[in-house]
Amino acid sequence: MPSQNRSRVLCVDDDADACEMLTVLLHAYGIDATCAKSAAEAWLEIKKNSFDLYVLDGWLPHQDGFEFCRQIRRSDSKTPILFYSGAAYDADRQKGIAAGANGYVAKPDVEGLIETMVQLMAMSRENDLDALRAGSQRRPDVTSPSAQYFSLETVCT
């Protein structure tokens, strides 16, 4: 049973291996993950549970992740949305941001995925909607000495 203090993420990806990998990985970081294999299945989860972050694949059956992102945004303007997709062209990233996502990480960049998830959930918890919108345009420059880091403790407590 999920803890009240743990972050909750809904991962929407039709690839069973990707869902399992995300669930195991996020659990190791103290984050509860629920997986859905389609937009329709994800809607059922969204209606039953609240989530701190949505992680979407761009390629979903019957309805692509970009249209699903737009639908989520029409009913939920606050929960961060992050694309984690094999669609890695700049045009795909722009399409995700235009659909309402706060970030976009190309598979298989797991380090970038975790880093971006932590950042988005921390900003969301601080209700920093302006930073969330600004953060949707780019990931932080982690090589810069002035980069702001968010610890997993911030997200998971």
C-alpha atoms as a PDB file:
ATOM      1  CA  MET A   1       0.000   0.000   0.000  1.00  0.00           C
ATOM      2  CA  PRO A   2       1.432   3.438  -0.937  1.00  0.00           C
ATOM      3  CA  SER A   3       2.612   5.662   1.865  1.00  0.00           C
ATOM      4  CA  GLN A   4       0.988   9.064   2.341  1.00  0.00           C
ATOM      5  CA  ASN A   5       4.451  10.697   2.331  1.00  0.00           C
ATOM      6  CA  ARG A   6       5.719   9.165  -0.899  1.00  0.00           C
ATOM      7  CA  SER A   7       5.370  10.837  -4.245  1.00  0.00           C
ATOM      8  CA  ARG A   8       2.961   9.203  -6.680  1.00  0.00           C
ATOM      9  CA  VAL A   9       3.635   9.044 -10.400  1.00  0.00           C
ATOM     10  CA  LEU A  10       1.435   7.772 -13.210  1.00  0.00           C
ATOM     11  CA  CYS A  11       3.506   6.330 -16.049  1.00  0.00           C
ATOM     12  CA  VAL A  12       1.679   5.873 -19.342  1.00  0.00           C
ATOM     13  CA  ASP A  13       3.554   3.609 -21.756  1.00  0.00           C
ATOM     14  CA  ASP A  14       2.286   0.682 -23.825  1.00  0.00           C
ATOM     15  CA  ASP A  15       5.624  -1.137 -23.559  1.00  0.00           C
ATOM     16  CA  ALA A  16       5.348  -3.615 -20.661  1.00  0.00           C
ATOM     17  CA  ASP A  17       9.144  -3.712 -20.196  1.00  0.00           C
ATOM     18  CA  ALA A  18       9.342   0.084 -19.988  1.00  0.00           C
ATOM     19  CA  CYS A  19       6.535   0.131 -17.402  1.00  0.00           C
ATOM     20  CA  GLU A  20       8.244  -2.510 -15.303  1.00  0.00           C
ATOM     21  CA  MET A  21      11.602  -0.712 -15.525  1.00  0.00           C
ATOM     22  CA  LEU A  22      10.024   2.595 -14.489  1.00  0.00           C
ATOM     23  CA  THR A  23       8.150   1.007 -11.601  1.00  0.00           C
ATOM     24  CA  VAL A  24      11.268  -0.698 -10.217  1.00  0.00           C
ATOM     25  CA  LEU A  25      13.471   2.343 -10.774  1.00  0.00           C
ATOM     26  CA  LEU A  26      11.071   4.797  -9.157  1.00  0.00           C
ATOM     27  CA  HIS A  27      10.431   2.464  -6.225  1.00  0.00           C
ATOM     28  CA  ALA A  28      14.200   2.435  -5.595  1.00  0.00           C
ATOM     29  CA  TYR A  29      14.001   6.233  -5.297  1.00  0.00           C
ATOM     30  CA  GLY A  30      11.062   6.081  -2.886  1.00  0.00           C
ATOM     31  CA  ILE A  31       8.462   7.026  -5.478  1.00  0.00           C
ATOM     32  CA  ASP A  32       5.259   5.024  -5.969  1.00  0.00           C
ATOM     33  CA  ALA A  33       4.569   4.374  -9.645  1.00  0.00           C
ATOM     34  CA  THR A  34       1.345   3.246 -11.272  1.00  0.00           C
ATOM     35  CA  CYS A  35       1.487   2.182 -14.902  1.00  0.00           C
ATOM     36  CA  ALA A  36      -1.154   2.414 -17.581  1.00  0.00           C
ATOM     37  CA  LYS A  37      -0.742   1.034 -21.096  1.00  0.00           C
ATOM     38  CA  SER A  38      -3.103   3.441 -22.861  1.00  0.00           C
ATOM     39  CA  ALA A  39      -4.739   6.819 -22.452  1.00  0.00           C
ATOM     40  CA  ALA A  40      -8.063   5.115 -21.647  1.00  0.00           C
ATOM     41  CA  GLU A  41      -6.457   3.032 -18.895  1.00  0.00           C
ATOM     42  CA  ALA A  42      -4.676   6.136 -17.587  1.00  0.00           C
ATOM     43  CA  TRP A  43      -7.973   8.063 -17.350  1.00  0.00           C
ATOM     44  CA  LEU A  44      -9.366   5.327 -15.112  1.00  0.00           C
ATOM     45  CA  GLU A  45      -6.346   5.704 -12.812  1.00  0.00           C
ATOM     46  CA  ILE A  46      -6.595   9.507 -12.813  1.00  0.00           C
ATOM     47  CA  LYS A  47     -10.249   9.299 -11.789  1.00  0.00           C
ATOM     48  CA  LYS A  48      -9.438   6.905  -8.912  1.00  0.00           C
ATOM     49  CA  ASN A  49      -6.185   8.419  -7.596  1.00  0.00           C
ATOM     50  CA  SER A  50      -4.261  11.643  -7.364  1.00  0.00           C
ATOM     51  CA  PHE A  51      -0.723  11.850  -8.712  1.00  0.00           C
ATOM     52  CA  ASP A  52       2.219  14.208  -8.242  1.00  0.00           C
ATOM     53  CA  LEU A  53       3.449  13.762 -11.809  1.00  0.00           C
ATOM     54  CA  TYR A  54       2.376  12.208 -15.093  1.00  0.00           C
ATOM     55  CA  VAL A  55       5.056  10.550 -17.259  1.00  0.00           C
ATOM     56  CA  LEU A  56       3.857   9.986 -20.816  1.00  0.00           C
ATOM     57  CA  ASP A  57       5.215   8.218 -23.857  1.00  0.00           C
ATOM     58  CA  GLY A  58       4.610   9.994 -27.140  1.00  0.00           C
ATOM     59  CA  TRP A  59       3.530   6.824 -28.905  1.00  0.00           C
ATOM     60  CA  LEU A  60       0.441   5.242 -27.383  1.00  0.00           C
ATOM     61  CA  PRO A  61      -2.190   2.988 -28.994  1.00  0.00           C
ATOM     62  CA  HIS A  62      -5.462   4.543 -30.207  1.00  0.00           C
ATOM     63  CA  GLN A  63      -4.481   8.042 -29.011  1.00  0.00           C
ATOM     64  CA  ASP A  64      -0.965   9.443 -29.015  1.00  0.00           C
ATOM     65  CA  GLY A  65       0.623  10.845 -25.890  1.00  0.00           C
ATOM     66  CA  PHE A  66       0.560  14.401 -27.235  1.00  0.00           C
ATOM     67  CA  GLU A  67      -3.236  14.448 -27.599  1.00  0.00           C
ATOM     68  CA  PHE A  68      -3.560  12.742 -24.227  1.00  0.00           C
ATOM     69  CA  CYS A  69      -1.362  15.471 -22.715  1.00  0.00           C
ATOM     70  CA  ARG A  70      -3.695  18.132 -24.138  1.00  0.00           C
ATOM     71  CA  GLN A  71      -6.686  16.312 -22.613  1.00  0.00           C
ATOM     72  CA  ILE A  72      -5.021  16.133 -19.208  1.00  0.00           C
ATOM     73  CA  ARG A  73      -4.238  19.857 -19.381  1.00  0.00           C
ATOM     74  CA  ARG A  74      -7.875  20.695 -20.077  1.00  0.00           C
ATOM     75  CA  SER A  75      -8.869  19.134 -16.754  1.00  0.00           C
ATOM     76  CA  ASP A  76      -5.672  19.567 -14.697  1.00  0.00           C
ATOM     77  CA  SER A  77      -3.482  22.614 -15.177  1.00  0.00           C
ATOM     78  CA  LYS A  78      -1.332  22.037 -12.091  1.00  0.00           C
ATOM     79  CA  THR A  79       0.064  18.495 -12.053  1.00  0.00           C
ATOM     80  CA  PRO A  80       3.377  18.414 -13.928  1.00  0.00           C
ATOM     81  CA  ILE A  81       3.556  16.348 -17.097  1.00  0.00           C
ATOM     82  CA  LEU A  82       6.815  14.901 -18.374  1.00  0.00           C
ATOM     83  CA  PHE A  83       7.302  13.100 -21.664  1.00  0.00           C
ATOM     84  CA  TYR A  84       9.705  10.159 -21.570  1.00  0.00           C
ATOM     85  CA  SER A  85       9.668   8.997 -25.148  1.00  0.00           C
ATOM     86  CA  GLY A  86      11.710   7.374 -27.865  1.00  0.00           C
ATOM     87  CA  ALA A  87      10.616  10.202 -30.148  1.00  0.00           C
ATOM     88  CA  ALA A  88      13.842  12.151 -29.737  1.00  0.00           C
ATOM     89  CA  TYR A  89      13.789  14.780 -32.483  1.00  0.00           C
ATOM     90  CA  ASP A  90      13.620  18.445 -31.526  1.00  0.00           C
ATOM     91  CA  ALA A  91      10.252  18.640 -33.296  1.00  0.00           C
ATOM     92  CA  ASP A  92       8.946  15.910 -30.956  1.00  0.00           C
ATOM     93  CA  ARG A  93      10.157  17.855 -27.920  1.00  0.00           C
ATOM     94  CA  GLN A  94       8.500  21.029 -29.200  1.00  0.00           C
ATOM     95  CA  LYS A  95       5.284  19.114 -29.871  1.00  0.00           C
ATOM     96  CA  GLY A  96       5.286  17.803 -26.283  1.00  0.00           C
ATOM     97  CA  ILE A  97       5.841  21.236 -24.763  1.00  0.00           C
ATOM     98  CA  ALA A  98       3.196  22.749 -27.056  1.00  0.00           C
ATOM     99  CA  ALA A  99       0.753  20.059 -25.883  1.00  0.00           C
ATOM    100  CA  GLY A 100       1.202  21.270 -22.297  1.00  0.00           C
ATOM    101  CA  ALA A 101       4.051  19.187 -20.908  1.00  0.00           C
ATOM    102  CA  ASN A 102       6.510  20.719 -18.448  1.00  0.00           C
ATOM    103  CA  GLY A 103       9.449  18.670 -19.689  1.00  0.00           C
ATOM    104  CA  TYR A 104      10.635  16.167 -22.257  1.00  0.00           C
ATOM    105  CA  VAL A 105      13.333  13.515 -21.845  1.00  0.00           C
ATOM    106  CA  ALA A 106      14.294  11.162 -24.661  1.00  0.00           C
ATOM    107  CA  LYS A 107      14.638   7.463 -23.905  1.00  0.00           C
ATOM    108  CA  PRO A 108      16.882   5.909 -22.664  1.00  0.00           C
ATOM    109  CA  ASP A 109      18.212   8.888 -20.624  1.00  0.00           C
ATOM    110  CA  VAL A 110      17.314   7.484 -17.194  1.00  0.00           C
ATOM    111  CA  GLU A 111      19.523   9.959 -15.327  1.00  0.00           C
ATOM    112  CA  GLY A 112      17.819  12.863 -17.093  1.00  0.00           C
ATOM    113  CA  LEU A 113      14.434  11.310 -16.373  1.00  0.00           C
ATOM    114  CA  ILE A 114      15.034  11.097 -12.627  1.00  0.00           C
ATOM    115  CA  GLU A 115      16.643  14.550 -12.496  1.00  0.00           C
ATOM    116  CA  THR A 116      13.748  16.174 -14.351  1.00  0.00           C
ATOM    117  CA  MET A 117      11.099  14.310 -12.340  1.00  0.00           C
ATOM    118  CA  VAL A 118      12.668  15.455  -9.076  1.00  0.00           C
ATOM    119  CA  GLN A 119      12.848  19.045 -10.287  1.00  0.00           C
ATOM    120  CA  LEU A 120       9.246  19.136 -11.521  1.00  0.00           C
ATOM    121  CA  MET A 121       7.793  17.547  -8.391  1.00  0.00           C
ATOM    122  CA  ALA A 122       9.791  19.855  -6.124  1.00  0.00           C
ATOM    123  CA  MET A 123       8.600  22.943  -7.986  1.00  0.00           C
ATOM    124  CA  SER A 124       5.045  21.625  -7.956  1.00  0.00           C
ATOM    125  CA  ARG A 125       5.171  21.067  -4.198  1.00  0.00           C
ATOM    126  CA  GLU A 126       6.384  24.625  -3.764  1.00  0.00           C
ATOM    127  CA  ASN A 127       3.488  25.763  -5.975  1.00  0.00           C
ATOM    128  CA  ASP A 128       6.014  27.531  -8.158  1.00  0.00           C
ATOM    129  CA  LEU A 129       3.903  27.530 -11.320  1.00  0.00           C
ATOM    130  CA  ASP A 130       6.038  30.193 -12.988  1.00  0.00           C
ATOM    131  CA  ALA A 131       9.145  28.051 -12.495  1.00  0.00           C
ATOM    132  CA  LEU A 132       7.254  25.010 -13.767  1.00  0.00           C
ATOM    133  CA  ARG A 133       6.326  26.867 -16.937  1.00  0.00           C
ATOM    134  CA  ALA A 134       9.878  28.158 -17.364  1.00  0.00           C
ATOM    135  CA  GLY A 135      11.247  24.711 -16.580  1.00  0.00           C
ATOM    136  CA  SER A 136       9.173  23.248 -19.372  1.00  0.00           C
ATOM    137  CA  GLN A 137      11.340  25.013 -21.891  1.00  0.00           C
ATOM    138  CA  ARG A 138      14.625  23.401 -20.837  1.00  0.00           C
ATOM    139  CA  ARG A 139      16.226  21.146 -18.308  1.00  0.00           C
ATOM    140  CA  PRO A 140      18.599  22.738 -15.810  1.00  0.00           C
ATOM    141  CA  ASP A 141      22.256  22.964 -16.780  1.00  0.00           C
ATOM    142  CA  VAL A 142      23.674  20.507 -14.278  1.00  0.00           C
ATOM    143  CA  THR A 143      27.217  21.389 -15.282  1.00  0.00           C
ATOM    144  CA  SER A 144      26.781  24.974 -14.160  1.00  0.00           C
ATOM    145  CA  PRO A 145      27.999  25.796 -10.628  1.00  0.00           C
ATOM    146  CA  SER A 146      24.915  27.976 -10.187  1.00  0.00           C
ATOM    147  CA  ALA A 147      22.493  25.197 -11.130  1.00  0.00           C
ATOM    148  CA  GLN A 148      19.791  24.548  -8.576  1.00  0.00           C
ATOM    149  CA  TYR A 149      19.662  20.953  -7.378  1.00  0.00           C
ATOM    150  CA  PHE A 150      16.685  19.192  -5.872  1.00  0.00           C
ATOM    151  CA  SER A 151      17.287  16.221  -3.617  1.00  0.00           C
ATOM    152  CA  LEU A 152      15.095  13.165  -3.631  1.00  0.00           C
ATOM    153  CA  GLU A 153      14.470  13.854   0.055  1.00  0.00           C
ATOM    154  CA  THR A 154      12.693  17.060  -0.976  1.00  0.00           C
ATOM    155  CA  VAL A 155      10.414  15.100  -3.292  1.00  0.00           C
ATOM    156  CA  CYS A 156       9.793  12.028  -1.174  1.00  0.00           C
ATOM    157  CA  THR A 157       9.111  13.551   2.228  1.00  0.00           C
END
